[in-house]
């Protein structure tokens, strides 16, 4: 069987943990940071974990993830 192609756009956004969860970088921390509170910016630094329904969709795009 030929190799499957990974969707490169998804590979750059998501990574799969050892237990099979899909993590991503949270949005909202690139610009216009002056009006955002320090608490909000601190919480945005953490990685997000996709919900189970979204995980199934993301894993279709990452065949080797």
N, C-alpha and C. Protein backbone atom coordinates (compact mmCIF):
# COMPACT_ATOMS: atom_id res chain seq x y z
N UNK A 1 0.84 -1.19 0.00
CA UNK A 1 0.00 0.00 0.00
C UNK A 1 0.88 1.24 0.00
N UNK A 2 0.46 2.28 -0.71
CA UNK A 2 1.26 3.51 -0.70
C UNK A 2 1.12 4.25 0.62
N UNK A 3 2.08 5.11 0.86
CA UNK A 3 2.02 5.93 2.08
C UNK A 3 0.86 6.90 1.99
N UNK A 4 0.29 7.22 3.15
CA UNK A 4 -0.78 8.22 3.20
C UNK A 4 -0.17 9.60 3.34
N UNK A 5 -0.81 10.59 2.77
CA UNK A 5 -0.32 11.96 2.89
C UNK A 5 -0.96 12.64 4.10
N UNK A 6 -0.12 13.33 4.85
CA UNK A 6 -0.58 14.10 6.00
C UNK A 6 -1.03 15.47 5.52
N UNK A 7 -2.15 15.96 6.04
CA UNK A 7 -2.56 17.34 5.75
C UNK A 7 -1.61 18.26 6.49
N UNK A 8 -0.74 18.95 5.76
CA UNK A 8 0.31 19.74 6.38
C UNK A 8 -0.26 20.88 7.24
N UNK A 9 -1.38 21.44 6.82
CA UNK A 9 -1.98 22.53 7.61
C UNK A 9 -2.39 22.02 8.99
N UNK A 10 -2.91 20.80 9.05
CA UNK A 10 -3.31 20.22 10.34
C UNK A 10 -2.09 19.83 11.16
N UNK A 11 -1.05 19.35 10.50
CA UNK A 11 0.16 18.93 11.22
C UNK A 11 0.83 20.11 11.90
N UNK A 12 0.70 21.29 11.32
CA UNK A 12 1.31 22.47 11.91
C UNK A 12 0.49 23.01 13.08
N UNK A 13 -0.79 22.69 13.14
CA UNK A 13 -1.67 23.21 14.18
C UNK A 13 -1.84 22.27 15.36
N UNK A 14 -1.82 20.97 15.09
CA UNK A 14 -2.13 19.98 16.12
C UNK A 14 -0.96 19.04 16.35
N UNK A 15 -0.88 18.50 17.57
CA UNK A 15 0.03 17.39 17.84
C UNK A 15 -0.70 16.41 18.75
N UNK A 16 -0.36 15.12 18.61
CA UNK A 16 -1.05 14.07 19.35
C UNK A 16 -0.19 13.66 20.55
N UNK A 17 -0.82 13.58 21.71
CA UNK A 17 -0.11 13.18 22.92
C UNK A 17 0.03 11.66 22.96
N UNK A 18 0.77 11.17 23.92
CA UNK A 18 0.97 9.74 24.05
C UNK A 18 -0.31 8.98 24.35
N UNK A 19 -1.24 9.62 25.05
CA UNK A 19 -2.51 8.95 25.37
C UNK A 19 -3.55 9.11 24.26
N UNK A 20 -3.19 9.80 23.17
CA UNK A 20 -4.09 9.91 22.03
C UNK A 20 -4.91 11.18 21.97
N UNK A 21 -4.72 12.09 22.94
CA UNK A 21 -5.43 13.36 22.89
C UNK A 21 -4.74 14.28 21.89
N UNK A 22 -5.51 15.23 21.36
CA UNK A 22 -4.95 16.17 20.39
C UNK A 22 -4.82 17.53 21.06
N UNK A 23 -3.62 18.08 21.06
CA UNK A 23 -3.41 19.39 21.69
C UNK A 23 -3.10 20.43 20.62
N UNK A 24 -3.36 21.69 20.97
CA UNK A 24 -3.17 22.80 20.03
C UNK A 24 -2.80 24.05 20.81
N UNK A 25 -2.27 25.04 20.11
CA UNK A 25 -1.93 26.33 20.70
C UNK A 25 -3.18 27.19 20.67
N UNK A 26 -3.52 27.81 21.79
CA UNK A 26 -4.74 28.61 21.85
C UNK A 26 -4.58 29.92 21.09
N UNK A 27 -5.67 30.38 20.53
CA UNK A 27 -5.65 31.62 19.76
C UNK A 27 -5.76 32.82 20.68
N UNK A 28 -5.46 34.00 20.14
CA UNK A 28 -5.70 35.24 20.86
C UNK A 28 -4.50 35.82 21.57
N UNK A 29 -3.29 35.33 21.27
CA UNK A 29 -2.12 35.81 21.98
C UNK A 29 -1.07 36.37 21.02
N UNK A 30 -1.51 36.84 19.85
CA UNK A 30 -0.57 37.31 18.83
C UNK A 30 -0.46 38.84 18.81
N UNK A 31 -1.58 39.52 18.85
CA UNK A 31 -1.54 40.99 18.79
C UNK A 31 -2.74 41.56 19.53
N UNK A 32 -2.78 42.89 19.67
CA UNK A 32 -3.79 43.60 20.47
C UNK A 32 -3.79 43.04 21.90
N UNK A 33 -2.62 43.02 22.50
CA UNK A 33 -2.48 42.42 23.83
C UNK A 33 -2.69 43.44 24.95
N UNK A 34 -2.69 44.73 24.62
CA UNK A 34 -2.78 45.75 25.68
C UNK A 34 -4.14 45.74 26.37
N UNK A 35 -5.18 45.45 25.64
CA UNK A 35 -6.52 45.48 26.25
C UNK A 35 -6.88 44.18 26.95
N UNK A 36 -6.07 43.15 26.80
CA UNK A 36 -6.34 41.88 27.45
C UNK A 36 -5.69 41.86 28.82
N UNK A 37 -6.39 41.31 29.80
CA UNK A 37 -5.87 41.28 31.16
C UNK A 37 -4.72 40.29 31.27
N UNK A 38 -3.89 40.47 32.28
CA UNK A 38 -2.76 39.58 32.51
C UNK A 38 -3.24 38.16 32.78
N UNK A 39 -4.35 38.04 33.49
CA UNK A 39 -4.92 36.72 33.80
C UNK A 39 -5.34 36.00 32.52
N UNK A 40 -5.96 36.74 31.61
CA UNK A 40 -6.41 36.16 30.35
C UNK A 40 -5.24 35.71 29.50
N UNK A 41 -4.19 36.55 29.43
CA UNK A 41 -3.02 36.20 28.63
C UNK A 41 -2.28 35.01 29.23
N UNK A 42 -2.25 34.92 30.55
CA UNK A 42 -1.59 33.81 31.23
C UNK A 42 -2.30 32.49 30.93
N UNK A 43 -3.64 32.52 30.93
CA UNK A 43 -4.41 31.31 30.64
C UNK A 43 -4.29 30.89 29.18
N UNK A 44 -4.07 31.85 28.29
CA UNK A 44 -3.94 31.54 26.87
C UNK A 44 -2.59 30.88 26.55
N UNK A 45 -1.62 30.98 27.45
CA UNK A 45 -0.31 30.37 27.20
C UNK A 45 -0.38 28.85 27.21
N UNK A 46 -1.31 28.30 27.96
CA UNK A 46 -1.40 26.84 28.08
C UNK A 46 -1.93 26.24 26.78
N UNK A 47 -1.55 25.00 26.51
CA UNK A 47 -2.06 24.29 25.36
C UNK A 47 -3.52 23.91 25.59
N UNK A 48 -4.30 23.92 24.52
CA UNK A 48 -5.68 23.45 24.61
C UNK A 48 -5.74 21.99 24.22
N UNK A 49 -6.77 21.30 24.68
CA UNK A 49 -7.02 19.91 24.32
C UNK A 49 -8.35 19.86 23.56
N UNK A 50 -8.34 19.23 22.40
CA UNK A 50 -9.57 19.15 21.61
C UNK A 50 -10.59 18.24 22.29
N UNK A 51 -11.86 18.56 22.06
CA UNK A 51 -12.94 17.72 22.57
C UNK A 51 -12.93 16.39 21.81
N UNK A 52 -13.55 15.35 22.37
CA UNK A 52 -13.53 14.04 21.69
C UNK A 52 -14.09 14.06 20.26
N UNK A 53 -15.14 14.84 20.01
CA UNK A 53 -15.71 14.91 18.67
C UNK A 53 -14.73 15.57 17.70
N UNK A 54 -14.10 16.65 18.14
CA UNK A 54 -13.13 17.33 17.28
C UNK A 54 -11.87 16.49 17.11
N UNK A 55 -11.54 15.67 18.10
CA UNK A 55 -10.36 14.82 18.01
C UNK A 55 -10.50 13.84 16.86
N UNK A 56 -11.69 13.27 16.70
CA UNK A 56 -11.91 12.33 15.59
C UNK A 56 -11.69 13.02 14.25
N UNK A 57 -12.16 14.26 14.12
CA UNK A 57 -12.01 14.99 12.86
C UNK A 57 -10.55 15.32 12.59
N UNK A 58 -9.82 15.70 13.63
CA UNK A 58 -8.41 16.07 13.46
C UNK A 58 -7.56 14.85 13.14
N UNK A 59 -7.88 13.72 13.73
CA UNK A 59 -7.06 12.51 13.50
C UNK A 59 -7.23 11.98 12.08
N UNK A 60 -8.33 12.29 11.42
CA UNK A 60 -8.47 11.91 10.02
C UNK A 60 -7.47 12.66 9.14
N UNK A 61 -7.11 13.88 9.57
CA UNK A 61 -6.18 14.69 8.81
C UNK A 61 -4.73 14.32 9.14
N UNK A 62 -4.53 13.62 10.26
CA UNK A 62 -3.19 13.23 10.71
C UNK A 62 -3.10 11.71 10.75
N UNK A 63 -2.89 11.06 9.61
CA UNK A 63 -2.95 9.59 9.59
C UNK A 63 -1.87 8.93 10.44
N UNK A 64 -0.73 9.59 10.63
CA UNK A 64 0.35 8.99 11.42
C UNK A 64 0.48 9.63 12.78
N UNK A 65 -0.53 10.42 13.19
CA UNK A 65 -0.47 11.14 14.45
C UNK A 65 -0.90 10.32 15.64
